[in-house]
């Protein structure tokens, strides 16, 4: 049995985009995320308002991705977590936890809270809660599955700014 190699975490570069698209394609095939394959997957990974994007790696191989974007429409004081995915071949090996830790550090460095929405009742909800994200409610997702159904989104917040001030009750 080969030893488990912990994932590396770093900012995404333009050179990472082809590898990120390859991983996204594997995620789409396994999980239907995104629910409709984008016409330009590299542009999908760099949405308007992009503040930062992170990748996790094993050696030089990209295995996961997360992005933070300005949340002008919802909460202008927060950054929205989006485009989060991990290669199905390496799940349950700490890659998603590494991404979320990197996201929390990026938010803290900017002095900004994080917000996210995720389709209600997906397994990722447990991971977000374990990483300190607090569920704040639900709302219509604002998009539709290919079959026309509009999912319900679970809304989460990572109150980084409160924790930076020493308020541990924000967890």
C-alpha atoms as a PDB file:
ATOM      1  CA  UNK A   1       0.000   0.000   0.000  1.00  0.00           C
ATOM      2  CA  UNK A   2       1.405   3.398  -0.954  1.00  0.00           C
ATOM      3  CA  UNK A   3       1.453   6.143   1.680  1.00  0.00           C
ATOM      4  CA  UNK A   4      -1.244   8.795   1.577  1.00  0.00           C
ATOM      5  CA  UNK A   5       0.162  12.060   0.288  1.00  0.00           C
ATOM      6  CA  UNK A   6      -1.520  15.097   1.845  1.00  0.00           C
ATOM      7  CA  UNK A   7      -2.869  17.605  -0.645  1.00  0.00           C
ATOM      8  CA  UNK A   8      -1.013  20.817  -1.349  1.00  0.00           C
ATOM      9  CA  UNK A   9      -2.867  24.125  -1.499  1.00  0.00           C
ATOM     10  CA  UNK A  10      -1.977  27.167  -3.562  1.00  0.00           C
ATOM     11  CA  UNK A  11      -3.475  30.011  -5.590  1.00  0.00           C
ATOM     12  CA  UNK A  12      -4.701  28.948  -9.014  1.00  0.00           C
ATOM     13  CA  UNK A  13      -2.697  30.155 -11.989  1.00  0.00           C
ATOM     14  CA  UNK A  14      -3.797  30.558 -15.606  1.00  0.00           C
ATOM     15  CA  UNK A  15      -1.653  27.523 -16.401  1.00  0.00           C
ATOM     16  CA  UNK A  16      -3.851  25.448 -14.030  1.00  0.00           C
ATOM     17  CA  UNK A  17      -7.057  26.089 -15.978  1.00  0.00           C
ATOM     18  CA  UNK A  18      -6.768  23.135 -18.404  1.00  0.00           C
ATOM     19  CA  UNK A  19      -6.200  20.736 -15.488  1.00  0.00           C
ATOM     20  CA  UNK A  20      -9.081  22.312 -13.556  1.00  0.00           C
ATOM     21  CA  UNK A  21     -11.353  21.804 -16.563  1.00  0.00           C
ATOM     22  CA  UNK A  22     -10.290  18.132 -16.741  1.00  0.00           C
ATOM     23  CA  UNK A  23     -11.173  17.645 -13.062  1.00  0.00           C
ATOM     24  CA  UNK A  24     -14.440  19.543 -13.516  1.00  0.00           C
ATOM     25  CA  UNK A  25     -15.342  17.192 -16.390  1.00  0.00           C
ATOM     26  CA  UNK A  26     -14.780  14.170 -14.098  1.00  0.00           C
ATOM     27  CA  UNK A  27     -16.946  15.793 -11.412  1.00  0.00           C
ATOM     28  CA  UNK A  28     -19.665  16.550 -13.964  1.00  0.00           C
ATOM     29  CA  UNK A  29     -19.641  12.917 -15.148  1.00  0.00           C
ATOM     30  CA  UNK A  30     -19.841  11.596 -11.568  1.00  0.00           C
ATOM     31  CA  UNK A  31     -22.110  14.148  -9.876  1.00  0.00           C
ATOM     32  CA  UNK A  32     -23.744  16.284 -12.583  1.00  0.00           C
ATOM     33  CA  UNK A  33     -21.956  19.374 -11.246  1.00  0.00           C
ATOM     34  CA  UNK A  34     -22.346  21.730 -12.865  1.00  0.00           C
ATOM     35  CA  UNK A  35     -25.820  20.506 -13.771  1.00  0.00           C
ATOM     36  CA  UNK A  36     -25.349  21.775 -17.349  1.00  0.00           C
ATOM     37  CA  UNK A  37     -21.877  21.615 -18.872  1.00  0.00           C
ATOM     38  CA  UNK A  38     -20.728  25.192 -19.605  1.00  0.00           C
ATOM     39  CA  UNK A  39     -19.996  26.247 -23.189  1.00  0.00           C
ATOM     40  CA  UNK A  40     -16.701  27.723 -21.939  1.00  0.00           C
ATOM     41  CA  UNK A  41     -15.600  25.778 -18.845  1.00  0.00           C
ATOM     42  CA  UNK A  42     -12.478  27.920 -18.306  1.00  0.00           C
ATOM     43  CA  UNK A  43     -14.654  31.051 -18.195  1.00  0.00           C
ATOM     44  CA  UNK A  44     -17.044  29.225 -15.833  1.00  0.00           C
ATOM     45  CA  UNK A  45     -14.094  28.784 -13.456  1.00  0.00           C
ATOM     46  CA  UNK A  46     -13.322  32.526 -13.600  1.00  0.00           C
ATOM     47  CA  UNK A  47     -16.690  34.179 -12.948  1.00  0.00           C
ATOM     48  CA  UNK A  48     -17.148  37.959 -12.836  1.00  0.00           C
ATOM     49  CA  UNK A  49     -15.959  39.490  -9.573  1.00  0.00           C
ATOM     50  CA  UNK A  50     -13.325  36.789  -8.992  1.00  0.00           C
ATOM     51  CA  UNK A  51     -11.306  37.727  -5.907  1.00  0.00           C
ATOM     52  CA  UNK A  52      -9.185  34.577  -5.744  1.00  0.00           C
ATOM     53  CA  UNK A  53      -9.177  30.957  -6.794  1.00  0.00           C
ATOM     54  CA  UNK A  54      -7.367  28.118  -5.050  1.00  0.00           C
ATOM     55  CA  UNK A  55      -6.363  24.640  -6.159  1.00  0.00           C
ATOM     56  CA  UNK A  56      -5.357  21.564  -4.222  1.00  0.00           C
ATOM     57  CA  UNK A  57      -2.732  19.323  -5.714  1.00  0.00           C
ATOM     58  CA  UNK A  58      -0.956  16.031  -5.256  1.00  0.00           C
ATOM     59  CA  UNK A  59       2.507  16.665  -6.568  1.00  0.00           C
ATOM     60  CA  UNK A  60       1.884  18.696  -9.719  1.00  0.00           C
ATOM     61  CA  UNK A  61      -1.569  17.184 -10.367  1.00  0.00           C
ATOM     62  CA  UNK A  62      -4.547  19.484  -9.701  1.00  0.00           C
ATOM     63  CA  UNK A  63      -7.204  17.589  -7.732  1.00  0.00           C
ATOM     64  CA  UNK A  64      -9.615  20.302  -6.622  1.00  0.00           C
ATOM     65  CA  UNK A  65     -10.694  23.913  -6.969  1.00  0.00           C
ATOM     66  CA  UNK A  66     -12.520  26.682  -5.098  1.00  0.00           C
ATOM     67  CA  UNK A  67     -13.136  30.345  -5.916  1.00  0.00           C
ATOM     68  CA  UNK A  68     -14.205  33.440  -4.014  1.00  0.00           C
ATOM     69  CA  UNK A  69     -16.126  36.173  -5.810  1.00  0.00           C
ATOM     70  CA  UNK A  70     -17.485  39.555  -4.754  1.00  0.00           C
ATOM     71  CA  UNK A  71     -21.058  39.151  -3.500  1.00  0.00           C
ATOM     72  CA  UNK A  72     -22.383  42.466  -4.771  1.00  0.00           C
ATOM     73  CA  UNK A  73     -25.975  41.256  -5.097  1.00  0.00           C
ATOM     74  CA  UNK A  74     -26.375  39.461  -1.768  1.00  0.00           C
ATOM     75  CA  UNK A  75     -23.979  40.782   0.870  1.00  0.00           C
ATOM     76  CA  UNK A  76     -21.475  43.359  -0.358  1.00  0.00           C
ATOM     77  CA  UNK A  77     -19.357  42.873   2.775  1.00  0.00           C
ATOM     78  CA  UNK A  78     -18.825  39.187   2.042  1.00  0.00           C
ATOM     79  CA  UNK A  79     -17.124  37.045  -0.553  1.00  0.00           C
ATOM     80  CA  UNK A  80     -19.115  34.197  -2.111  1.00  0.00           C
ATOM     81  CA  UNK A  81     -17.597  30.719  -2.243  1.00  0.00           C
ATOM     82  CA  UNK A  82     -18.254  29.123  -5.621  1.00  0.00           C
ATOM     83  CA  UNK A  83     -16.902  26.605  -8.139  1.00  0.00           C
ATOM     84  CA  UNK A  84     -15.909  24.126  -5.405  1.00  0.00           C
ATOM     85  CA  UNK A  85     -15.095  20.606  -6.549  1.00  0.00           C
ATOM     86  CA  UNK A  86     -12.702  17.727  -5.911  1.00  0.00           C
ATOM     87  CA  UNK A  87     -11.714  14.945  -8.286  1.00  0.00           C
ATOM     88  CA  UNK A  88     -13.893  11.898  -7.487  1.00  0.00           C
ATOM     89  CA  UNK A  89     -10.754   9.713  -7.618  1.00  0.00           C
ATOM     90  CA  UNK A  90      -9.287  11.375  -4.493  1.00  0.00           C
ATOM     91  CA  UNK A  91     -12.334  12.109  -2.371  1.00  0.00           C
ATOM     92  CA  UNK A  92     -12.222  11.459   1.369  1.00  0.00           C
ATOM     93  CA  UNK A  93      -8.469  12.160   1.443  1.00  0.00           C
ATOM     94  CA  UNK A  94      -8.603  15.707   2.855  1.00  0.00           C
ATOM     95  CA  UNK A  95      -8.675  17.680  -0.397  1.00  0.00           C
ATOM     96  CA  UNK A  96     -11.995  19.428   0.278  1.00  0.00           C
ATOM     97  CA  UNK A  97     -10.962  20.168   3.876  1.00  0.00           C
ATOM     98  CA  UNK A  98      -7.707  21.694   2.579  1.00  0.00           C
ATOM     99  CA  UNK A  99      -9.654  23.870   0.136  1.00  0.00           C
ATOM    100  CA  UNK A 100     -12.040  25.070   2.845  1.00  0.00           C
ATOM    101  CA  UNK A 101      -9.153  25.840   5.198  1.00  0.00           C
ATOM    102  CA  UNK A 102      -7.523  27.857   2.420  1.00  0.00           C
ATOM    103  CA  UNK A 103     -10.776  29.685   1.772  1.00  0.00           C
ATOM    104  CA  UNK A 104     -11.102  30.535   5.482  1.00  0.00           C
ATOM    105  CA  UNK A 105      -7.522  31.861   5.504  1.00  0.00           C
ATOM    106  CA  UNK A 106      -8.164  33.945   2.361  1.00  0.00           C
ATOM    107  CA  UNK A 107     -11.305  35.413   3.922  1.00  0.00           C
ATOM    108  CA  UNK A 108      -9.514  36.201   7.171  1.00  0.00           C
ATOM    109  CA  UNK A 109      -6.636  37.849   5.302  1.00  0.00           C
ATOM    110  CA  UNK A 110      -9.169  40.109   3.585  1.00  0.00           C
ATOM    111  CA  UNK A 111     -11.209  40.695   6.754  1.00  0.00           C
ATOM    112  CA  UNK A 112     -14.336  39.460   4.964  1.00  0.00           C
ATOM    113  CA  UNK A 113     -17.051  36.975   5.868  1.00  0.00           C
ATOM    114  CA  UNK A 114     -17.841  34.164   3.467  1.00  0.00           C
ATOM    115  CA  UNK A 115     -21.225  33.149   2.088  1.00  0.00           C
ATOM    116  CA  UNK A 116     -22.232  30.213  -0.053  1.00  0.00           C
ATOM    117  CA  UNK A 117     -25.280  28.460  -1.344  1.00  0.00           C
ATOM    118  CA  UNK A 118     -25.465  24.765  -2.125  1.00  0.00           C
ATOM    119  CA  UNK A 119     -28.273  22.516  -3.309  1.00  0.00           C
ATOM    120  CA  UNK A 120     -30.084  21.494  -0.146  1.00  0.00           C
ATOM    121  CA  UNK A 121     -29.420  18.007   1.234  1.00  0.00           C
ATOM    122  CA  UNK A 122     -26.243  17.264  -0.711  1.00  0.00           C
ATOM    123  CA  UNK A 123     -23.434  15.526   1.220  1.00  0.00           C
ATOM    124  CA  UNK A 124     -21.275  18.671   0.993  1.00  0.00           C
ATOM    125  CA  UNK A 125     -23.501  20.337   3.601  1.00  0.00           C
ATOM    126  CA  UNK A 126     -21.956  18.158   6.324  1.00  0.00           C
ATOM    127  CA  UNK A 127     -18.473  19.170   5.195  1.00  0.00           C
ATOM    128  CA  UNK A 128     -19.327  22.884   5.229  1.00  0.00           C
ATOM    129  CA  UNK A 129     -20.766  22.643   8.757  1.00  0.00           C
ATOM    130  CA  UNK A 130     -17.684  20.755   9.976  1.00  0.00           C
ATOM    131  CA  UNK A 131     -15.514  23.566   8.561  1.00  0.00           C
ATOM    132  CA  UNK A 132     -17.385  26.199  10.594  1.00  0.00           C
ATOM    133  CA  UNK A 133     -19.935  27.403   8.036  1.00  0.00           C
ATOM    134  CA  UNK A 134     -23.278  28.229   9.667  1.00  0.00           C
ATOM    135  CA  UNK A 135     -26.530  27.466   7.871  1.00  0.00           C
ATOM    136  CA  UNK A 136     -28.624  30.638   7.745  1.00  0.00           C
ATOM    137  CA  UNK A 137     -31.657  29.543   5.734  1.00  0.00           C
ATOM    138  CA  UNK A 138     -32.877  28.439   2.344  1.00  0.00           C
ATOM    139  CA  UNK A 139     -33.919  30.140  -0.886  1.00  0.00           C
ATOM    140  CA  UNK A 140     -34.803  29.221  -4.438  1.00  0.00           C
ATOM    141  CA  UNK A 141     -31.521  28.497  -6.234  1.00  0.00           C
ATOM    142  CA  UNK A 142     -32.213  30.923  -9.076  1.00  0.00           C
ATOM    143  CA  UNK A 143     -31.270  28.384 -11.747  1.00  0.00           C
ATOM    144  CA  UNK A 144     -32.809  25.175 -13.056  1.00  0.00           C
ATOM    145  CA  UNK A 145     -31.743  21.587 -13.534  1.00  0.00           C
ATOM    146  CA  UNK A 146     -31.809  20.384 -17.157  1.00  0.00           C
ATOM    147  CA  UNK A 147     -35.242  18.813 -16.448  1.00  0.00           C
ATOM    148  CA  UNK A 148     -36.664  22.261 -15.540  1.00  0.00           C
ATOM    149  CA  UNK A 149     -36.841  21.847 -11.754  1.00  0.00           C
ATOM    150  CA  UNK A 150     -35.535  24.716  -9.614  1.00  0.00           C
ATOM    151  CA  UNK A 151     -33.640  23.373  -6.606  1.00  0.00           C
ATOM    152  CA  UNK A 152     -33.754  24.776  -3.102  1.00  0.00           C
ATOM    153  CA  UNK A 153     -30.435  26.229  -1.990  1.00  0.00           C
ATOM    154  CA  UNK A 154     -29.166  25.940   1.565  1.00  0.00           C
ATOM    155  CA  UNK A 155     -27.509  29.242   2.530  1.00  0.00           C
ATOM    156  CA  UNK A 156     -24.355  29.317   4.656  1.00  0.00           C
ATOM    157  CA  UNK A 157     -22.116  31.973   6.183  1.00  0.00           C
ATOM    158  CA  UNK A 158     -18.581  31.751   7.530  1.00  0.00           C
ATOM    159  CA  UNK A 159     -18.363  34.634  10.010  1.00  0.00           C
ATOM    160  CA  UNK A 160     -14.616  35.192   9.715  1.00  0.00           C
ATOM    161  CA  UNK A 161     -14.705  38.833  10.777  1.00  0.00           C
ATOM    162  CA  UNK A 162     -16.374  37.986  14.090  1.00  0.00           C
ATOM    163  CA  UNK A 163     -13.818  35.256  14.814  1.00  0.00           C
ATOM    164  CA  UNK A 164     -10.953  37.618  14.058  1.00  0.00           C
ATOM    165  CA  UNK A 165     -12.311  39.861  16.811  1.00  0.00           C
ATOM    166  CA  UNK A 166     -12.161  36.944  19.258  1.00  0.00           C
ATOM    167  CA  UNK A 167     -15.851  36.036  19.275  1.00  0.00           C
ATOM    168  CA  UNK A 168     -15.810  32.215  19.284  1.00  0.00           C
ATOM    169  CA  UNK A 169     -19.612  32.123  19.461  1.00  0.00           C
ATOM    170  CA  UNK A 170     -19.654  32.811  15.726  1.00  0.00           C
ATOM    171  CA  UNK A 171     -18.936  29.158  15.089  1.00  0.00           C
END
